[in-house]
N, C-alpha and C. Protein backbone atom coordinates (compact mmCIF):
# COMPACT_ATOMS: atom_id res chain seq x y z
N MET A 1 100.26 140.31 94.81
CA MET A 1 100.33 138.84 94.77
C MET A 1 101.76 138.42 94.41
N ASP A 2 102.35 137.50 95.24
CA ASP A 2 103.74 137.12 94.99
C ASP A 2 103.83 136.10 93.86
N THR A 3 105.08 135.84 93.46
CA THR A 3 105.35 134.95 92.32
C THR A 3 104.83 133.54 92.57
N ILE A 4 105.02 133.01 93.79
CA ILE A 4 104.59 131.65 94.11
C ILE A 4 103.08 131.51 93.97
N ALA A 5 102.34 132.52 94.45
CA ALA A 5 100.88 132.47 94.35
C ALA A 5 100.43 132.46 92.90
N ILE A 6 101.08 133.28 92.07
CA ILE A 6 100.74 133.32 90.64
C ILE A 6 101.01 131.98 89.97
N ILE A 7 102.19 131.38 90.27
CA ILE A 7 102.54 130.08 89.71
C ILE A 7 101.53 129.02 90.14
N ALA A 8 101.15 129.05 91.43
CA ALA A 8 100.19 128.07 91.95
C ALA A 8 98.85 128.19 91.25
N ILE A 9 98.39 129.44 91.04
CA ILE A 9 97.10 129.66 90.37
C ILE A 9 97.16 129.16 88.93
N ILE A 10 98.25 129.46 88.23
CA ILE A 10 98.42 128.99 86.84
C ILE A 10 98.44 127.46 86.79
N PHE A 11 99.16 126.84 87.73
CA PHE A 11 99.28 125.39 87.77
C PHE A 11 97.92 124.73 88.01
N ILE A 12 97.20 125.23 89.01
CA ILE A 12 95.88 124.65 89.34
C ILE A 12 94.90 124.88 88.21
N THR A 13 94.93 126.08 87.61
CA THR A 13 94.05 126.38 86.48
C THR A 13 94.34 125.44 85.31
N GLY A 14 95.63 125.19 85.06
CA GLY A 14 96.02 124.27 83.99
C GLY A 14 95.49 122.87 84.21
N ILE A 15 95.58 122.38 85.47
CA ILE A 15 95.07 121.05 85.78
C ILE A 15 93.56 120.98 85.58
N VAL A 16 92.85 122.00 86.05
CA VAL A 16 91.39 122.03 85.89
C VAL A 16 91.01 122.02 84.42
N LEU A 17 91.71 122.82 83.60
CA LEU A 17 91.42 122.87 82.16
C LEU A 17 91.70 121.53 81.48
N LEU A 18 92.79 120.87 81.90
CA LEU A 18 93.10 119.55 81.34
C LEU A 18 92.02 118.53 81.68
N ILE A 19 91.53 118.58 82.91
CA ILE A 19 90.47 117.66 83.34
C ILE A 19 89.21 117.90 82.52
N ILE A 20 88.84 119.18 82.38
CA ILE A 20 87.63 119.52 81.61
C ILE A 20 87.78 119.08 80.16
N ALA A 21 88.95 119.33 79.56
CA ALA A 21 89.19 118.95 78.17
C ALA A 21 89.13 117.44 77.99
N ASP A 22 89.66 116.71 78.97
CA ASP A 22 89.64 115.24 78.88
C ASP A 22 88.22 114.71 78.94
N PHE A 23 87.40 115.28 79.83
CA PHE A 23 86.01 114.83 79.94
C PHE A 23 85.20 115.17 78.69
N ILE A 24 85.51 116.31 78.09
CA ILE A 24 84.81 116.68 76.85
C ILE A 24 85.22 115.76 75.70
N LYS A 25 86.51 115.45 75.63
CA LYS A 25 87.04 114.62 74.54
C LYS A 25 86.62 113.16 74.68
N ASN A 26 86.59 112.67 75.92
CA ASN A 26 86.26 111.26 76.17
C ASN A 26 85.04 111.17 77.09
N LYS A 27 83.89 111.50 76.55
CA LYS A 27 82.69 111.63 77.37
C LYS A 27 82.25 110.32 78.01
N THR A 28 82.42 109.22 77.30
CA THR A 28 81.85 107.95 77.77
C THR A 28 82.89 106.88 78.08
N ARG A 29 84.17 107.13 77.83
CA ARG A 29 85.18 106.09 78.00
C ARG A 29 85.72 106.06 79.42
N ASN A 30 85.42 104.97 80.15
CA ASN A 30 85.92 104.78 81.52
C ASN A 30 85.72 106.02 82.40
N ILE A 31 84.54 106.58 82.35
CA ILE A 31 84.31 107.86 83.03
C ILE A 31 84.47 107.72 84.55
N LEU A 32 84.03 106.58 85.11
CA LEU A 32 84.13 106.40 86.56
C LEU A 32 85.59 106.33 87.00
N LYS A 33 86.39 105.53 86.28
CA LYS A 33 87.79 105.39 86.65
C LYS A 33 88.54 106.70 86.46
N ARG A 34 88.23 107.44 85.41
CA ARG A 34 88.90 108.72 85.20
C ARG A 34 88.51 109.73 86.27
N THR A 35 87.26 109.69 86.68
CA THR A 35 86.80 110.58 87.76
C THR A 35 87.55 110.26 89.05
N LEU A 36 87.70 108.97 89.36
CA LEU A 36 88.45 108.55 90.54
C LEU A 36 89.90 108.99 90.45
N PHE A 37 90.49 108.84 89.27
CA PHE A 37 91.90 109.22 89.09
C PHE A 37 92.10 110.71 89.31
N TYR A 38 91.21 111.54 88.76
CA TYR A 38 91.35 112.98 88.93
C TYR A 38 91.08 113.41 90.38
N SER A 39 90.17 112.71 91.03
CA SER A 39 89.95 113.00 92.45
C SER A 39 91.19 112.64 93.26
N PHE A 40 91.91 111.59 92.82
CA PHE A 40 93.16 111.20 93.47
C PHE A 40 94.23 112.28 93.29
N ILE A 41 94.32 112.86 92.10
CA ILE A 41 95.27 113.95 91.85
C ILE A 41 94.96 115.15 92.76
N ILE A 42 93.69 115.49 92.86
CA ILE A 42 93.28 116.61 93.73
C ILE A 42 93.62 116.30 95.19
N TYR A 43 93.40 115.05 95.58
CA TYR A 43 93.75 114.63 96.95
C TYR A 43 95.25 114.80 97.21
N LEU A 44 96.09 114.37 96.25
CA LEU A 44 97.55 114.51 96.40
C LEU A 44 97.96 115.97 96.54
N LEU A 45 97.34 116.84 95.75
CA LEU A 45 97.66 118.27 95.83
C LEU A 45 97.30 118.82 97.20
N ASN A 46 96.18 118.37 97.76
CA ASN A 46 95.78 118.82 99.09
C ASN A 46 96.73 118.31 100.17
N VAL A 47 97.20 117.07 100.02
CA VAL A 47 98.18 116.53 100.97
C VAL A 47 99.48 117.34 100.90
N ALA A 48 99.91 117.67 99.69
CA ALA A 48 101.12 118.48 99.53
C ALA A 48 100.94 119.85 100.19
N LYS A 49 99.77 120.44 100.01
CA LYS A 49 99.51 121.75 100.61
C LYS A 49 99.54 121.68 102.13
N LEU A 50 98.93 120.62 102.69
CA LEU A 50 98.86 120.47 104.14
C LEU A 50 100.23 120.19 104.75
N THR A 51 101.03 119.39 104.07
CA THR A 51 102.30 118.96 104.66
C THR A 51 103.46 119.92 104.41
N LEU A 52 103.40 120.65 103.30
CA LEU A 52 104.51 121.55 102.97
C LEU A 52 104.21 123.00 103.34
N GLY A 53 102.95 123.38 103.26
CA GLY A 53 102.59 124.75 103.59
C GLY A 53 103.09 125.73 102.55
N VAL A 54 103.49 126.91 103.00
CA VAL A 54 103.94 127.97 102.10
C VAL A 54 105.37 127.70 101.65
N ILE A 55 105.61 127.82 100.34
CA ILE A 55 106.96 127.66 99.78
C ILE A 55 107.60 129.03 99.63
N HIS A 56 108.81 129.16 100.15
CA HIS A 56 109.50 130.46 100.15
C HIS A 56 110.57 130.49 99.06
N ILE A 57 110.36 131.35 98.07
CA ILE A 57 111.36 131.58 97.02
C ILE A 57 111.55 133.09 96.89
N PRO A 58 112.76 133.60 97.15
CA PRO A 58 113.96 132.85 97.57
C PRO A 58 113.82 132.29 98.98
N PRO A 59 114.60 131.26 99.31
CA PRO A 59 114.52 130.64 100.64
C PRO A 59 114.97 131.60 101.73
N PHE A 60 114.69 131.20 102.97
CA PHE A 60 115.21 131.97 104.10
C PHE A 60 116.74 131.99 104.04
N ALA A 61 117.32 133.10 104.45
CA ALA A 61 118.77 133.29 104.33
C ALA A 61 119.54 132.29 105.18
N GLU A 62 119.02 131.97 106.38
CA GLU A 62 119.73 131.07 107.28
C GLU A 62 119.14 129.66 107.19
N MET A 63 120.03 128.67 107.28
CA MET A 63 119.59 127.28 107.30
C MET A 63 118.82 127.02 108.60
N ALA A 64 117.68 126.38 108.49
CA ALA A 64 116.88 126.07 109.67
C ALA A 64 117.51 124.90 110.44
N ARG A 65 117.24 124.86 111.73
CA ARG A 65 117.73 123.73 112.51
C ARG A 65 116.92 122.48 112.17
N ILE A 66 117.56 121.34 112.24
CA ILE A 66 116.92 120.06 111.94
C ILE A 66 116.33 119.50 113.23
N GLU A 67 115.05 119.19 113.22
CA GLU A 67 114.37 118.63 114.39
C GLU A 67 113.85 117.24 114.05
N ILE A 68 114.28 116.26 114.84
CA ILE A 68 113.89 114.87 114.60
C ILE A 68 113.35 114.29 115.91
N GLN A 69 112.21 113.61 115.80
CA GLN A 69 111.57 113.00 116.96
C GLN A 69 111.47 111.50 116.69
N PHE A 70 112.27 110.70 117.39
CA PHE A 70 112.35 109.26 117.12
C PHE A 70 111.60 108.40 118.14
N ILE A 71 110.94 109.00 119.13
CA ILE A 71 110.28 108.23 120.18
C ILE A 71 108.87 107.84 119.72
N PRO A 72 108.59 106.53 119.59
CA PRO A 72 107.24 106.12 119.16
C PRO A 72 106.19 106.48 120.21
N PHE A 73 105.03 106.90 119.73
CA PHE A 73 103.89 107.24 120.57
C PHE A 73 104.20 108.36 121.57
N TYR A 74 105.08 109.26 121.14
CA TYR A 74 105.41 110.41 121.99
C TYR A 74 104.19 111.30 122.19
N PHE A 75 103.25 111.27 121.23
CA PHE A 75 102.05 112.11 121.34
C PHE A 75 101.25 111.77 122.59
N VAL A 76 101.30 110.49 123.03
CA VAL A 76 100.58 110.10 124.25
C VAL A 76 101.20 110.79 125.46
N MET A 77 102.53 110.78 125.53
CA MET A 77 103.23 111.48 126.62
C MET A 77 102.96 112.97 126.56
N ASP A 78 102.83 113.50 125.34
CA ASP A 78 102.53 114.91 125.17
C ASP A 78 101.15 115.23 125.72
N TRP A 79 100.17 114.37 125.42
CA TRP A 79 98.82 114.56 125.97
C TRP A 79 98.85 114.57 127.50
N ILE A 80 99.56 113.59 128.06
CA ILE A 80 99.61 113.46 129.52
C ILE A 80 100.24 114.70 130.15
N ALA A 81 101.34 115.18 129.54
CA ALA A 81 102.04 116.36 130.08
C ALA A 81 101.14 117.60 130.02
N ILE A 82 100.46 117.78 128.90
CA ILE A 82 99.57 118.95 128.76
C ILE A 82 98.41 118.85 129.73
N TYR A 83 97.85 117.64 129.89
CA TYR A 83 96.72 117.45 130.80
C TYR A 83 97.11 117.73 132.25
N ARG A 84 98.29 117.24 132.63
CA ARG A 84 98.74 117.48 134.00
C ARG A 84 98.98 118.96 134.28
N GLN A 85 99.41 119.68 133.25
CA GLN A 85 99.72 121.10 133.44
C GLN A 85 98.49 121.98 133.37
N ASN A 86 97.60 121.69 132.39
CA ASN A 86 96.49 122.62 132.15
C ASN A 86 95.11 121.96 132.12
N GLY A 87 95.05 120.63 132.30
CA GLY A 87 93.75 119.96 132.22
C GLY A 87 93.28 119.87 130.77
N LEU A 88 91.97 119.75 130.61
CA LEU A 88 91.39 119.60 129.27
C LEU A 88 91.16 120.98 128.64
N ASP A 89 92.25 121.71 128.46
CA ASP A 89 92.15 123.05 127.89
C ASP A 89 92.32 123.01 126.37
N TRP A 90 92.42 124.19 125.77
CA TRP A 90 92.54 124.29 124.32
C TRP A 90 93.78 123.58 123.82
N PHE A 91 94.91 123.69 124.54
CA PHE A 91 96.16 123.08 124.10
C PHE A 91 96.05 121.56 124.05
N PHE A 92 95.34 120.99 125.03
CA PHE A 92 95.16 119.54 125.05
C PHE A 92 94.36 119.09 123.83
N TRP A 93 93.22 119.72 123.60
CA TRP A 93 92.36 119.30 122.50
C TRP A 93 92.98 119.62 121.14
N ASN A 94 93.81 120.66 121.09
CA ASN A 94 94.51 120.96 119.84
C ASN A 94 95.53 119.86 119.53
N SER A 95 96.21 119.35 120.57
CA SER A 95 97.15 118.25 120.37
C SER A 95 96.42 116.99 119.91
N VAL A 96 95.26 116.73 120.52
CA VAL A 96 94.44 115.58 120.10
C VAL A 96 93.99 115.74 118.65
N LYS A 97 93.58 116.96 118.31
CA LYS A 97 93.11 117.24 116.94
C LYS A 97 94.21 117.02 115.92
N LEU A 98 95.42 117.49 116.21
CA LEU A 98 96.54 117.31 115.28
C LEU A 98 96.89 115.83 115.11
N THR A 99 96.80 115.07 116.20
CA THR A 99 97.05 113.63 116.13
C THR A 99 96.00 112.96 115.25
N PHE A 100 94.74 113.37 115.42
CA PHE A 100 93.65 112.81 114.62
C PHE A 100 93.84 113.14 113.15
N TYR A 101 94.26 114.36 112.86
CA TYR A 101 94.51 114.76 111.46
C TYR A 101 95.61 113.90 110.83
N ASN A 102 96.66 113.61 111.61
CA ASN A 102 97.73 112.74 111.11
C ASN A 102 97.21 111.33 110.83
N LEU A 103 96.24 110.90 111.64
CA LEU A 103 95.67 109.57 111.45
C LEU A 103 94.85 109.49 110.16
N ILE A 104 94.06 110.52 109.89
CA ILE A 104 93.14 110.44 108.75
C ILE A 104 93.74 110.97 107.43
N MET A 105 94.93 111.61 107.50
CA MET A 105 95.46 112.25 106.30
C MET A 105 95.69 111.26 105.15
N LEU A 106 96.24 110.09 105.45
CA LEU A 106 96.49 109.09 104.41
C LEU A 106 95.44 107.98 104.38
N LEU A 107 94.36 108.15 105.15
CA LEU A 107 93.25 107.19 105.08
C LEU A 107 92.68 107.08 103.67
N PRO A 108 92.44 108.20 102.98
CA PRO A 108 91.96 108.09 101.59
C PRO A 108 92.94 107.36 100.67
N LEU A 109 94.25 107.49 100.94
CA LEU A 109 95.23 106.78 100.11
C LEU A 109 95.00 105.28 100.18
N GLY A 110 94.72 104.76 101.38
CA GLY A 110 94.42 103.34 101.54
C GLY A 110 93.22 102.92 100.70
N ILE A 111 92.20 103.78 100.66
CA ILE A 111 91.02 103.49 99.84
C ILE A 111 91.36 103.50 98.37
N TYR A 112 92.10 104.51 97.93
CA TYR A 112 92.50 104.61 96.52
C TYR A 112 93.34 103.41 96.07
N LEU A 113 94.21 102.92 96.96
CA LEU A 113 95.08 101.80 96.59
C LEU A 113 94.27 100.57 96.19
N SER A 114 93.16 100.35 96.89
CA SER A 114 92.30 99.21 96.54
C SER A 114 91.33 99.55 95.42
N LEU A 115 90.69 100.70 95.54
CA LEU A 115 89.61 101.07 94.61
C LEU A 115 90.12 101.44 93.23
N LEU A 116 91.22 102.19 93.17
CA LEU A 116 91.71 102.71 91.89
C LEU A 116 92.88 101.90 91.33
N PHE A 117 93.79 101.47 92.22
CA PHE A 117 95.01 100.83 91.74
C PHE A 117 95.01 99.31 91.92
N ASN A 118 93.91 98.77 92.45
CA ASN A 118 93.73 97.31 92.56
C ASN A 118 94.88 96.62 93.32
N ILE A 119 95.33 97.23 94.41
CA ILE A 119 96.33 96.58 95.27
C ILE A 119 95.60 95.50 96.07
N ASN A 120 96.06 94.25 95.94
CA ASN A 120 95.28 93.12 96.44
C ASN A 120 95.69 92.60 97.80
N THR A 121 96.85 93.01 98.31
CA THR A 121 97.31 92.49 99.61
C THR A 121 97.48 93.62 100.61
N VAL A 122 97.19 93.31 101.86
CA VAL A 122 97.34 94.30 102.94
C VAL A 122 98.80 94.71 103.09
N LYS A 123 99.72 93.73 103.00
CA LYS A 123 101.15 94.04 103.17
C LYS A 123 101.63 95.06 102.15
N LYS A 124 101.22 94.87 100.89
CA LYS A 124 101.64 95.78 99.83
C LYS A 124 101.04 97.17 100.05
N ALA A 125 99.78 97.21 100.45
CA ALA A 125 99.11 98.50 100.69
C ALA A 125 99.78 99.25 101.84
N VAL A 126 100.05 98.54 102.93
CA VAL A 126 100.69 99.16 104.10
C VAL A 126 102.09 99.66 103.74
N LEU A 127 102.82 98.88 102.95
CA LEU A 127 104.17 99.29 102.54
C LEU A 127 104.11 100.58 101.71
N ILE A 128 103.16 100.66 100.78
CA ILE A 128 103.03 101.86 99.94
C ILE A 128 102.67 103.07 100.78
N VAL A 129 101.74 102.89 101.73
CA VAL A 129 101.34 104.00 102.61
C VAL A 129 102.53 104.44 103.46
N PHE A 130 103.25 103.47 104.02
CA PHE A 130 104.41 103.80 104.85
C PHE A 130 105.46 104.58 104.06
N LEU A 131 105.78 104.10 102.85
CA LEU A 131 106.77 104.79 102.02
C LEU A 131 106.30 106.19 101.64
N SER A 132 105.00 106.33 101.38
CA SER A 132 104.45 107.66 101.07
C SER A 132 104.63 108.61 102.25
N SER A 133 104.33 108.12 103.45
CA SER A 133 104.51 108.93 104.66
C SER A 133 105.99 109.25 104.88
N PHE A 134 106.86 108.29 104.63
CA PHE A 134 108.30 108.50 104.81
C PHE A 134 108.82 109.57 103.84
N ILE A 135 108.35 109.53 102.59
CA ILE A 135 108.74 110.54 101.60
C ILE A 135 108.29 111.92 102.04
N ILE A 136 107.06 112.00 102.59
CA ILE A 136 106.55 113.29 103.09
C ILE A 136 107.45 113.82 104.20
N GLU A 137 107.79 112.95 105.17
CA GLU A 137 108.62 113.38 106.29
C GLU A 137 110.02 113.83 105.84
N ILE A 138 110.62 113.05 104.93
CA ILE A 138 111.96 113.41 104.43
C ILE A 138 111.90 114.72 103.64
N SER A 139 110.85 114.89 102.83
CA SER A 139 110.70 116.13 102.05
C SER A 139 110.58 117.33 102.97
N GLN A 140 109.77 117.18 104.02
CA GLN A 140 109.63 118.28 104.99
C GLN A 140 110.96 118.62 105.63
N LEU A 141 111.72 117.59 105.99
CA LEU A 141 113.00 117.79 106.66
C LEU A 141 113.99 118.51 105.75
N ILE A 142 114.09 118.04 104.52
CA ILE A 142 115.05 118.63 103.57
C ILE A 142 114.66 120.06 103.19
N LEU A 143 113.39 120.26 102.83
CA LEU A 143 112.94 121.59 102.39
C LEU A 143 112.99 122.61 103.51
N SER A 144 112.65 122.19 104.73
CA SER A 144 112.75 123.13 105.86
C SER A 144 114.21 123.40 106.20
N GLY A 145 115.07 122.37 106.02
CA GLY A 145 116.50 122.56 106.28
C GLY A 145 117.12 123.59 105.36
N PHE A 146 116.63 123.66 104.13
CA PHE A 146 117.15 124.64 103.16
C PHE A 146 116.36 125.94 103.15
N GLY A 147 115.41 126.06 104.09
CA GLY A 147 114.67 127.31 104.23
C GLY A 147 113.60 127.53 103.18
N ILE A 148 113.24 126.48 102.43
CA ILE A 148 112.23 126.63 101.37
C ILE A 148 110.83 126.62 101.96
N ILE A 149 110.64 125.86 103.06
CA ILE A 149 109.37 125.89 103.79
C ILE A 149 109.67 126.20 105.25
N SER A 150 108.62 126.48 106.00
CA SER A 150 108.80 126.75 107.43
C SER A 150 109.30 125.50 108.13
N ILE A 151 109.81 125.68 109.34
CA ILE A 151 110.44 124.57 110.07
C ILE A 151 109.44 123.44 110.30
N ARG A 152 109.79 122.26 109.86
CA ARG A 152 109.01 121.05 110.09
C ARG A 152 109.93 120.01 110.69
N THR A 153 109.36 119.12 111.51
CA THR A 153 110.17 118.08 112.14
C THR A 153 109.94 116.73 111.46
N PHE A 154 110.95 115.88 111.55
CA PHE A 154 110.77 114.48 111.17
C PHE A 154 110.27 113.77 112.42
N ASP A 155 109.03 113.29 112.37
CA ASP A 155 108.39 112.73 113.56
C ASP A 155 107.97 111.29 113.28
N VAL A 156 108.52 110.36 114.05
CA VAL A 156 108.19 108.94 113.86
C VAL A 156 106.71 108.68 114.15
N ASP A 157 106.11 109.50 115.01
CA ASP A 157 104.68 109.34 115.28
C ASP A 157 103.84 109.62 114.03
N ASP A 158 104.28 110.56 113.20
CA ASP A 158 103.58 110.82 111.95
C ASP A 158 103.60 109.60 111.05
N LEU A 159 104.75 108.92 111.00
CA LEU A 159 104.86 107.68 110.22
C LEU A 159 103.88 106.63 110.72
N ILE A 160 103.82 106.48 112.05
CA ILE A 160 102.94 105.47 112.64
C ILE A 160 101.47 105.80 112.38
N LEU A 161 101.09 107.05 112.64
CA LEU A 161 99.69 107.45 112.49
C LEU A 161 99.25 107.46 111.03
N ASN A 162 100.11 107.98 110.14
CA ASN A 162 99.79 107.98 108.71
C ASN A 162 99.60 106.56 108.19
N THR A 163 100.51 105.67 108.57
CA THR A 163 100.44 104.28 108.10
C THR A 163 99.20 103.59 108.66
N LEU A 164 98.91 103.81 109.93
CA LEU A 164 97.71 103.23 110.53
C LEU A 164 96.45 103.74 109.84
N GLY A 165 96.42 105.04 109.54
CA GLY A 165 95.27 105.60 108.85
C GLY A 165 95.09 105.01 107.46
N GLY A 166 96.20 104.84 106.72
CA GLY A 166 96.12 104.22 105.40
C GLY A 166 95.64 102.78 105.48
N TYR A 167 96.11 102.06 106.51
CA TYR A 167 95.65 100.67 106.72
C TYR A 167 94.16 100.62 107.00
N ILE A 168 93.68 101.54 107.85
CA ILE A 168 92.25 101.60 108.16
C ILE A 168 91.45 101.87 106.89
N GLY A 169 91.93 102.82 106.07
CA GLY A 169 91.23 103.14 104.83
C GLY A 169 91.17 101.94 103.89
N TYR A 170 92.29 101.22 103.78
CA TYR A 170 92.33 100.04 102.90
C TYR A 170 91.36 98.97 103.39
N ARG A 171 91.40 98.66 104.68
CA ARG A 171 90.52 97.63 105.24
C ARG A 171 89.06 98.07 105.15
N LEU A 172 88.81 99.36 105.34
CA LEU A 172 87.45 99.89 105.27
C LEU A 172 86.84 99.65 103.90
N TRP A 173 87.60 99.97 102.83
CA TRP A 173 87.07 99.78 101.49
C TRP A 173 86.91 98.29 101.17
N ILE A 174 87.84 97.44 101.63
CA ILE A 174 87.71 95.99 101.41
C ILE A 174 86.42 95.49 102.04
N SER A 175 86.12 95.96 103.26
CA SER A 175 84.89 95.54 103.94
C SER A 175 83.65 96.03 103.20
N ILE A 176 83.68 97.29 102.76
CA ILE A 176 82.55 97.84 102.01
C ILE A 176 82.35 97.07 100.70
N ARG A 177 83.46 96.74 100.03
CA ARG A 177 83.37 96.01 98.76
C ARG A 177 82.75 94.63 98.96
N LYS A 178 83.13 93.96 100.07
CA LYS A 178 82.55 92.65 100.36
C LYS A 178 81.05 92.75 100.58
N VAL A 179 80.63 93.78 101.33
CA VAL A 179 79.19 93.98 101.57
C VAL A 179 78.46 94.23 100.25
N LEU A 180 79.04 95.06 99.39
CA LEU A 180 78.42 95.37 98.10
C LEU A 180 78.34 94.13 97.21
N MET A 181 79.40 93.31 97.22
CA MET A 181 79.40 92.08 96.42
C MET A 181 78.35 91.10 96.92
N ASN A 182 78.21 90.99 98.25
CA ASN A 182 77.19 90.10 98.81
C ASN A 182 75.79 90.57 98.45
N MET A 183 75.57 91.89 98.52
CA MET A 183 74.27 92.45 98.15
C MET A 183 73.98 92.18 96.67
N LYS A 184 75.00 92.35 95.83
CA LYS A 184 74.83 92.10 94.39
C LYS A 184 74.48 90.65 94.12
N THR A 185 75.16 89.74 94.83
CA THR A 185 74.89 88.31 94.67
C THR A 185 73.46 87.98 95.09
N LYS A 186 73.02 88.55 96.22
CA LYS A 186 71.65 88.30 96.71
C LYS A 186 70.61 88.81 95.73
N PHE A 187 70.86 89.99 95.16
CA PHE A 187 69.91 90.55 94.18
C PHE A 187 69.82 89.66 92.94
N LYS A 188 70.98 89.12 92.52
CA LYS A 188 70.98 88.24 91.35
C LYS A 188 70.21 86.96 91.62
N LEU A 189 70.41 86.40 92.83
CA LEU A 189 69.69 85.18 93.19
C LEU A 189 68.19 85.43 93.25
N ASN A 190 67.80 86.56 93.83
CA ASN A 190 66.38 86.89 93.92
C ASN A 190 65.77 87.09 92.54
N ASP A 191 66.52 87.78 91.66
CA ASP A 191 66.03 87.99 90.29
C ASP A 191 65.88 86.66 89.56
N HIS A 192 66.83 85.75 89.79
CA HIS A 192 66.77 84.44 89.15
C HIS A 192 65.56 83.63 89.62
N LYS A 193 65.31 83.70 90.94
CA LYS A 193 64.15 82.98 91.49
C LYS A 193 62.84 83.55 90.95
N ASN A 194 62.77 84.88 90.89
CA ASN A 194 61.54 85.53 90.41
C ASN A 194 61.29 85.26 88.94
N SER A 195 62.41 85.11 88.17
CA SER A 195 62.25 84.90 86.73
C SER A 195 62.07 83.43 86.35
N SER A 196 62.30 82.50 87.33
CA SER A 196 62.16 81.07 87.03
C SER A 196 60.70 80.72 86.85
N PRO A 197 60.36 79.82 85.87
CA PRO A 197 58.96 79.43 85.65
C PRO A 197 58.43 78.61 86.83
N THR A 198 57.22 78.87 87.22
CA THR A 198 56.61 78.14 88.33
C THR A 198 55.81 76.97 87.79
N SER A 199 55.73 75.90 88.54
CA SER A 199 55.02 74.72 88.09
C SER A 199 53.52 74.87 88.31
C-alpha cells in the first residue's frame, strides 16, 4: 500500500471518528442539520475523488501538456461525430454517459445551497455553483500541469453542465419545499376544522 493510500485511509477514518464523537456528544442538538452538514462533507469528498482521481506523490517527472476546450456545447458536435463514424455504439453512449455525469455532479450542491445554507435567490445559487465548477476546472488544470494528477482538460462544457445541474438541483428542492409547505398548510387547516366546535 502506497503512502497516499495510507494518508487517505487515516484522513477518512479521522473524519468518521469525528462524526461519531460529535453525534455521541450532542445526541439531541440540531441532529437533522448536523446530519445534513456531514452528508455535505461526504459529498464534497466524493466530488474531489471523482474530479481529481489518483494523486501522484512524487509527481510525474515531466510537466503535462495543458489542454483547454473553449467551444461551448462541443459535446453535441462530439456526439454527432461519433454517431456518424460508428453509429450508436459503445463510444457514443459512453460520451452521453460522461455528459450526463457532468450534469448531475453538482446537482446535489444546488439542493444543499437551499436546504442547508439557506441561499434564497437563484442568481446567488447559480453563481456559487458556477464558481465551484470553475475552481474544480482550474484545480484540475494546475494539478495535472504539475504532474500531481493525471492529465485533465479545462472544458467550458463542464462549466455549463455543472452549473445547469446545480441550477436544476436548486429549483428542484425549491419546488419540493413549496409542495411540502402547501401540504403542511392543508393539514393544519383540516386539523383546525376538525377541532372546531360544531353547532
